[in-house]
Protein backbone atom coordinates (compact mmCIF):
# COMPACT_ATOMS: atom_id res chain seq x y z
CA MET A 1 0.00 0.00 0.00
CA LYS A 2 1.36 3.41 -0.97
CA THR A 3 2.12 6.05 1.67
CA LYS A 4 0.13 9.27 1.24
CA ILE A 5 2.33 12.37 1.37
CA THR A 6 2.20 16.01 0.29
CA VAL A 7 5.33 17.44 -1.33
CA ALA A 8 5.78 21.17 -1.99
CA ILE A 9 8.06 22.02 -4.91
CA THR A 10 9.45 25.19 -6.49
CA GLY A 11 10.90 25.62 -9.98
CA LEU A 12 7.78 25.36 -12.15
CA ASN A 13 9.21 27.60 -14.89
CA ASN A 14 9.37 24.98 -17.64
CA THR A 15 10.59 27.40 -20.34
CA ASP A 16 13.69 27.57 -22.57
CA ASN A 17 15.59 28.13 -19.30
CA PRO A 18 13.77 25.42 -17.37
CA GLY A 19 13.61 24.97 -13.63
CA PRO A 20 13.92 21.48 -12.16
CA GLY A 21 10.44 21.50 -10.60
CA VAL A 22 8.45 19.73 -13.33
CA PRO A 23 10.91 16.83 -13.87
CA VAL A 24 11.31 16.42 -10.10
CA ILE A 25 7.51 16.16 -9.82
CA ARG A 26 7.41 13.62 -12.66
CA GLY A 27 9.97 11.48 -10.86
CA ILE A 28 8.07 11.57 -7.57
CA ARG A 29 4.78 10.76 -9.32
CA ASP A 30 6.50 7.72 -10.87
CA SER A 31 7.16 6.37 -7.37
CA GLY A 32 5.87 2.93 -6.52
CA ASP A 33 5.94 3.74 -2.79
CA PHE A 34 4.16 7.10 -2.54
CA ASP A 35 0.64 8.30 -3.24
CA VAL A 36 1.75 11.90 -3.64
CA ARG A 37 -0.09 15.20 -3.65
CA ILE A 38 1.96 18.00 -5.18
CA VAL A 39 1.80 21.58 -3.95
CA GLY A 40 3.45 23.90 -6.45
CA LEU A 41 5.18 27.04 -5.18
CA ALA A 42 5.41 29.68 -7.92
CA TYR A 43 7.32 32.96 -7.94
CA GLU A 44 5.78 34.10 -11.25
CA ASN A 45 2.13 33.71 -12.27
CA LEU A 46 3.04 32.53 -15.78
CA GLU A 47 5.26 29.60 -14.84
CA PRO A 48 4.03 26.82 -17.18
CA GLY A 49 4.13 24.12 -14.49
CA ILE A 50 1.23 25.88 -12.76
CA PHE A 51 -1.11 25.15 -15.66
CA MET A 52 0.27 21.88 -17.02
CA PRO A 53 -2.15 19.00 -16.39
CA GLY A 54 -0.92 16.30 -14.04
CA VAL A 55 1.87 18.42 -12.53
CA ALA A 56 0.71 20.35 -9.43
CA ASP A 57 -2.51 19.49 -7.59
CA LYS A 58 -2.55 22.98 -6.06
CA THR A 59 -0.31 25.99 -6.64
CA TYR A 60 0.43 28.93 -4.35
CA GLN A 61 2.24 32.11 -5.26
CA VAL A 62 5.21 32.88 -3.00
CA PRO A 63 7.43 35.97 -2.65
CA TYR A 64 10.91 36.10 -4.14
CA PRO A 65 13.78 35.23 -1.77
CA SER A 66 15.11 38.75 -2.43
CA GLU A 67 12.17 40.08 -0.37
CA GLY A 68 13.75 38.48 2.70
CA THR A 69 14.06 35.05 4.26
CA ASN A 70 11.39 35.74 6.88
CA VAL A 71 8.85 36.90 4.31
CA LEU A 72 9.34 33.77 2.19
CA VAL A 73 9.33 31.34 5.12
CA GLN A 74 6.27 32.94 6.72
CA ARG A 75 4.40 32.50 3.44
CA ILE A 76 5.39 28.80 3.41
CA LEU A 77 4.16 28.41 7.00
CA GLU A 78 0.85 30.14 6.09
CA ILE A 79 0.37 27.67 3.25
CA HIS A 80 1.30 24.79 5.57
CA LYS A 81 -1.45 25.78 8.04
CA LYS A 82 -4.20 25.48 5.43
CA ASP A 83 -2.54 22.77 3.28
CA PRO A 84 -0.16 20.63 5.41
CA ILE A 85 3.18 19.90 3.73
CA ASP A 86 5.25 16.80 4.54
CA VAL A 87 8.33 17.53 2.41
CA LEU A 88 9.61 20.73 0.80
CA ILE A 89 11.98 20.53 -2.20
CA PRO A 90 13.40 23.91 -3.31
CA ASN A 91 14.98 23.83 -6.77
CA PHE A 92 16.72 27.17 -7.27
CA ASP A 93 20.20 28.17 -6.10
CA ALA A 94 18.94 31.66 -5.21
CA GLU A 95 16.32 30.37 -2.75
CA LEU A 96 18.41 27.67 -1.06
CA TYR A 97 20.09 30.04 1.37
CA ALA A 98 16.72 31.10 2.82
CA PHE A 99 15.54 27.51 3.25
CA MET A 100 18.84 26.24 4.65
CA ARG A 101 18.82 28.98 7.29
CA SER A 102 15.20 28.13 8.15
CA GLU A 103 15.56 24.34 8.18
CA LYS A 104 14.91 24.03 11.95
CA VAL A 105 11.92 26.41 11.82
CA LEU A 106 10.39 24.37 9.02
CA GLU A 107 11.08 21.06 10.77
CA GLU A 108 9.49 22.29 14.00
CA ALA A 109 6.38 23.08 11.94
CA GLY A 110 6.42 19.53 10.52
CA ILE A 111 7.97 20.31 7.11
CA LYS A 112 10.89 18.05 6.21
CA THR A 113 13.73 19.09 3.89
CA PHE A 114 17.00 17.46 2.81
CA LEU A 115 19.39 20.25 1.91
CA PRO A 116 23.13 20.88 1.89
CA THR A 117 24.58 22.53 4.98
CA LEU A 118 25.49 26.21 4.80
CA GLU A 119 29.18 25.25 4.85
CA GLN A 120 28.72 22.84 1.92
CA PHE A 121 26.74 25.46 0.01
CA GLU A 122 29.35 28.19 0.51
CA GLU A 123 32.55 26.24 -0.12
CA ARG A 124 31.46 24.99 -3.58
CA HIS A 125 30.33 28.47 -4.63
CA LYS A 126 31.70 29.66 -7.96
CA SER A 127 33.76 32.37 -6.28
CA ASN A 128 35.27 29.76 -3.91
CA LEU A 129 35.81 27.00 -6.49
CA PRO A 130 39.64 27.35 -6.71
CA GLU A 131 39.95 26.90 -2.94
CA PHE A 132 37.48 23.99 -3.12
CA GLY A 133 39.64 22.32 -5.77
CA GLU A 134 42.80 22.79 -3.72
CA LYS A 135 41.16 21.47 -0.55
CA TYR A 136 39.86 18.27 -2.16
CA ASP A 137 42.63 17.80 -4.74
CA LEU A 138 40.43 18.44 -7.79
CA LEU A 139 41.16 20.02 -11.17
CA VAL A 140 39.42 23.41 -11.31
CA PRO A 141 39.90 26.23 -13.87
CA PHE A 142 41.52 29.36 -12.51
CA SER A 143 38.86 31.92 -11.61
CA LYS A 144 38.55 35.29 -9.95
CA PRO A 145 35.53 37.20 -8.60
CA ILE A 146 35.29 40.86 -9.58
CA THR A 147 33.06 43.57 -8.11
CA ARG A 148 34.04 46.65 -10.14
CA ILE A 149 33.99 47.26 -13.87
CA ASP A 150 37.43 48.91 -13.76
CA GLU A 151 38.89 45.51 -12.76
CA ILE A 152 38.21 44.26 -16.29
CA ASP A 153 41.21 46.20 -17.67
CA LYS A 154 43.56 44.16 -15.46
CA LEU A 155 42.18 40.71 -16.38
CA LYS A 156 44.84 40.25 -19.08
CA GLU A 157 47.42 39.99 -16.27
CA ASN A 158 45.90 36.67 -15.13
CA PHE A 159 43.78 35.41 -18.05
CA GLU A 160 44.00 34.70 -21.75
CA TYR A 161 41.06 35.26 -24.08
CA PRO A 162 38.56 33.74 -24.55
CA LEU A 163 37.37 33.49 -20.95
CA MET A 164 34.10 32.78 -19.16
CA VAL A 165 31.98 35.47 -17.46
CA LYS A 166 29.57 33.97 -14.91
CA GLY A 167 26.88 35.07 -12.50
CA LYS A 168 27.05 33.96 -8.87
CA PHE A 169 23.85 31.94 -9.28
CA TYR A 170 23.16 31.54 -13.01
CA ASP A 171 24.27 32.59 -16.49
CA ALA A 172 27.62 32.06 -18.19
CA TYR A 173 28.98 33.72 -21.32
CA LEU A 174 32.13 33.20 -23.37
CA ALA A 175 33.94 36.50 -23.99
CA TYR A 176 36.64 37.03 -26.62
CA ASN A 177 37.66 40.58 -25.64
CA GLU A 178 37.31 43.26 -22.96
CA GLU A 179 34.25 44.81 -24.64
CA GLN A 180 32.37 41.52 -24.43
CA VAL A 181 33.43 41.09 -20.80
CA ARG A 182 32.02 44.55 -19.97
CA MET A 183 28.77 43.84 -21.78
CA ASN A 184 28.30 40.52 -19.98
CA TYR A 185 29.44 41.98 -16.64
CA ASN A 186 26.69 44.62 -16.85
CA LYS A 187 24.08 42.09 -17.93
CA ILE A 188 24.93 39.59 -15.16
CA SER A 189 25.43 42.08 -12.32
CA ALA A 190 22.09 43.76 -13.10
CA LYS A 191 20.32 40.40 -12.93
CA TRP A 192 22.17 38.49 -10.19
CA GLY A 193 24.23 41.09 -8.35
CA LEU A 194 27.90 40.91 -7.46
CA PRO A 195 30.42 39.38 -7.58
CA VAL A 196 30.73 38.42 -11.23
CA ILE A 197 33.03 35.44 -11.73
CA ILE A 198 35.77 35.43 -14.36
CA GLN A 199 36.88 31.89 -15.17
CA GLU A 200 39.58 30.38 -17.36
CA PHE A 201 38.12 28.78 -20.49
CA ILE A 202 38.91 25.07 -20.79
CA LYS A 203 38.53 23.65 -24.28
CA GLY A 204 37.04 20.17 -24.42
CA THR A 205 33.84 18.15 -24.17
CA GLU A 206 31.25 19.28 -21.64
CA VAL A 207 29.80 16.52 -19.47
CA ASN A 208 27.42 16.60 -16.49
CA VAL A 209 26.55 14.36 -13.57
CA VAL A 210 23.38 14.39 -11.49
CA ALA A 211 23.95 12.88 -8.06
CA LEU A 212 22.42 12.45 -4.62
CA GLY A 213 24.37 12.28 -1.36
CA ASP A 214 23.02 11.00 1.97
CA GLY A 215 24.95 13.45 4.17
CA GLN A 216 27.15 10.66 5.54
CA GLY A 217 29.54 10.47 2.59
CA ASN A 218 27.59 7.86 0.62
CA THR A 219 26.47 8.34 -2.99
CA ILE A 220 22.85 7.20 -3.28
CA GLY A 221 22.83 7.63 -7.04
CA ALA A 222 24.79 9.24 -9.88
CA VAL A 223 24.13 9.38 -13.63
CA PRO A 224 26.52 11.07 -16.11
CA MET A 225 25.28 12.74 -19.28
CA ARG A 226 26.68 14.45 -22.37
CA LYS A 227 24.68 17.28 -23.89
CA GLN A 228 23.61 16.52 -27.46
CA TYR A 229 21.93 19.84 -28.19
CA ILE A 230 22.52 23.12 -26.35
CA THR A 231 20.32 26.23 -26.51
CA ASP A 232 21.62 29.79 -26.83
CA LYS A 233 21.28 30.00 -23.03
CA GLY A 234 23.66 27.06 -22.66
CA LYS A 235 20.90 24.70 -21.49
CA ALA A 236 20.74 21.06 -22.52
CA TRP A 237 17.83 20.44 -24.90
CA SER A 238 18.95 16.89 -25.51
CA GLY A 239 21.37 14.58 -23.76
CA ILE A 240 22.51 10.97 -23.50
CA THR A 241 23.66 8.87 -20.55
CA LEU A 242 27.31 7.81 -20.61
CA ASP A 243 29.32 4.80 -19.53
CA ASP A 244 32.16 6.65 -17.80
CA PRO A 245 33.61 5.09 -14.61
CA LYS A 246 36.05 8.00 -14.23
CA LEU A 247 33.16 10.47 -13.96
CA LEU A 248 31.40 8.30 -11.39
CA ASP A 249 34.59 7.83 -9.35
CA LEU A 250 35.11 11.61 -9.26
CA THR A 251 31.50 12.17 -8.16
CA ARG A 252 31.81 9.61 -5.36
CA LYS A 253 35.10 11.17 -4.28
CA ILE A 254 33.48 14.62 -3.95
CA ILE A 255 30.42 13.33 -2.09
CA GLU A 256 32.55 11.23 0.27
CA ALA A 257 34.99 14.07 1.00
CA THR A 258 32.32 16.74 1.54
CA LYS A 259 29.65 14.43 3.06
CA TRP A 260 27.29 16.12 0.62
CA ARG A 261 23.65 16.23 1.71
CA GLY A 262 20.99 16.33 -1.01
CA GLY A 263 21.01 16.66 -4.76
CA MET A 264 23.87 18.07 -6.82
CA GLU A 265 24.93 18.59 -10.40
CA LEU A 266 28.54 18.51 -11.48
CA GLU A 267 29.38 20.47 -14.62
CA LEU A 268 32.70 19.35 -16.05
CA VAL A 269 34.88 19.64 -19.12
CA LYS A 270 36.89 16.68 -20.35
CA SER A 271 40.05 18.11 -21.92
CA SER A 272 41.95 16.74 -24.91
CA LYS A 273 44.30 15.07 -22.39
CA ASN A 274 41.27 13.28 -20.87
CA GLU A 275 41.51 15.40 -17.70
CA LEU A 276 38.27 16.28 -15.89
CA PHE A 277 37.98 19.94 -14.88
CA ILE A 278 35.14 20.91 -12.53
CA ILE A 279 33.47 24.01 -13.97
CA GLU A 280 30.58 24.28 -11.50
CA ILE A 281 28.97 22.37 -8.65
CA ASN A 282 25.27 23.18 -8.49
CA PRO A 283 23.79 22.50 -5.03
CA ARG A 284 20.48 21.00 -6.16
CA ILE A 285 18.90 18.61 -8.64
CA PRO A 286 19.21 19.84 -12.25
CA ALA A 287 16.40 20.29 -14.79
CA TRP A 288 17.50 17.21 -16.77
CA VAL A 289 17.00 14.86 -13.78
CA TYR A 290 14.19 12.94 -15.51
CA LEU A 291 16.85 11.39 -17.76
CA ALA A 292 18.24 9.72 -14.62
CA VAL A 293 14.73 8.50 -13.76
CA GLY A 294 14.33 7.10 -17.26
CA ALA A 295 17.73 5.41 -16.99
CA GLY A 296 16.72 3.58 -13.81
CA GLN A 297 17.66 5.91 -10.94
CA ASN A 298 14.66 7.75 -9.48
CA LEU A 299 16.66 10.34 -7.58
CA PRO A 300 13.67 12.64 -6.79
CA GLU A 301 11.88 9.71 -5.08
CA ALA A 302 15.09 8.83 -3.17
CA LEU A 303 15.41 12.48 -2.07
CA VAL A 304 11.89 12.42 -0.61
CA LYS A 305 12.72 9.22 1.28
CA LEU A 306 15.89 10.75 2.72
CA ALA A 307 13.92 13.83 3.82
CA LEU A 308 11.44 11.55 5.61
CA GLY A 309 14.30 9.80 7.41
CA GLU A 310 13.89 6.51 5.56
CA LYS A 311 16.84 4.25 4.83
CA VAL A 312 17.72 4.40 1.15
CA LEU A 313 19.99 1.86 -0.51
CA PRO A 314 22.36 3.19 -3.19
CA PHE A 315 21.51 2.56 -6.83
CA THR A 316 23.99 0.13 -8.36
CA SER A 317 23.40 0.67 -12.08
CA TYR A 318 21.69 2.74 -14.76
CA GLN A 319 21.00 2.28 -18.46
CA VAL A 320 23.66 3.65 -20.80
CA GLY A 321 22.55 5.23 -24.10
CA LYS A 322 19.24 6.59 -22.76
CA MET A 323 18.41 9.94 -24.33
CA PHE A 324 16.17 12.84 -23.46
CA ILE A 325 14.86 15.40 -25.92
CA ARG A 326 12.96 18.47 -24.72
CA TYR A 327 10.12 19.95 -26.72
CA SER A 328 7.68 22.82 -26.45
CA TYR A 329 3.98 22.99 -27.20
CA ASP A 330 1.18 25.50 -26.77
CA LEU A 331 -0.65 24.95 -23.49
CA ILE A 332 -4.22 26.28 -23.60
CA THR A 333 -5.82 27.54 -20.40
CA ASP A 334 -8.53 30.02 -19.41
CA LEU A 335 -7.93 33.63 -18.40
CA LYS A 336 -9.99 33.01 -15.25
CA GLU A 337 -7.36 30.51 -14.07
CA PHE A 338 -4.61 33.10 -14.50
CA GLU A 339 -6.75 35.76 -12.77
CA LYS A 340 -7.44 33.45 -9.84
CA LEU A 341 -3.74 32.92 -9.19
CA SER A 342 -2.97 36.62 -9.67
CA THR A 343 -5.69 37.87 -7.32
CA LEU A 344 -5.94 35.11 -4.70
CA GLY A 345 -2.36 33.87 -4.80
CA GLU A 346 -3.44 30.25 -5.25
CA LEU A 347 -4.92 27.98 -7.89
């Protein structure tokens, strides 16, 4: 008999820059152990996951994390009073800090989470990645955070062009000269704030790993993928699972050394010398996680079990050569549905 639970999930923006919410929900709904009710938490009233059939059973609008941790958490607790939540899965880097800081408050209210610790979150940050690499003996491109536009003139002292210009949470652009660095610096800082990260460009094949750590140093699951088609925003629109023991060994090494707690995505570049450089470590499940589900590792379901304190055995295999291909279609809904969410804050 399936256990009835209610899971609240953010990241319903299933656009050309998709959030992980919809694929995480699909994975949990595929569970053979849970009879799940999904509460969607939306920051924008046009996030497609709100209106997609079979995704969220109920959706509530919530304030942006930039409005303050207390404001966001109080809204979650208000929702919890009228619509009790068993597990909360946040899916954006920018909101994780608020939920990590409020983990005890949420747990006291009866809402379970399974998130990285603040120390884990901070040390793998893009601006701290060189120190992270040195600490754990990992190959990491040279990078430097900058906070002023006049620092761009001096980049040639430490970098060769092209180089990467990255936001502290999202966005990454390849720049071939100072003018492009300035343009991307202004674009990123206006959207995500400072610092902006300048990173050495490593030429090679980009590969990714989605993984789940139990907080004790054990890897519950890990599936590597190579992007087959990339959008102009750098997002994978198609990908294929790989048979790459070296990638899996590196993932296990990182999770064991850091005792990583929760989902993670490793973004790596395999150089022409077959060296693996860590480009980013994202502290949550990525938007392509349903490929892992399709390949035999239901990591969203395992994450829910860990949050509930259940014992979860590590996955031992996955199917190689499984592909995902994203697509878009026109979703038809009624204006009254949009108005209801906009005026009442729930749908």
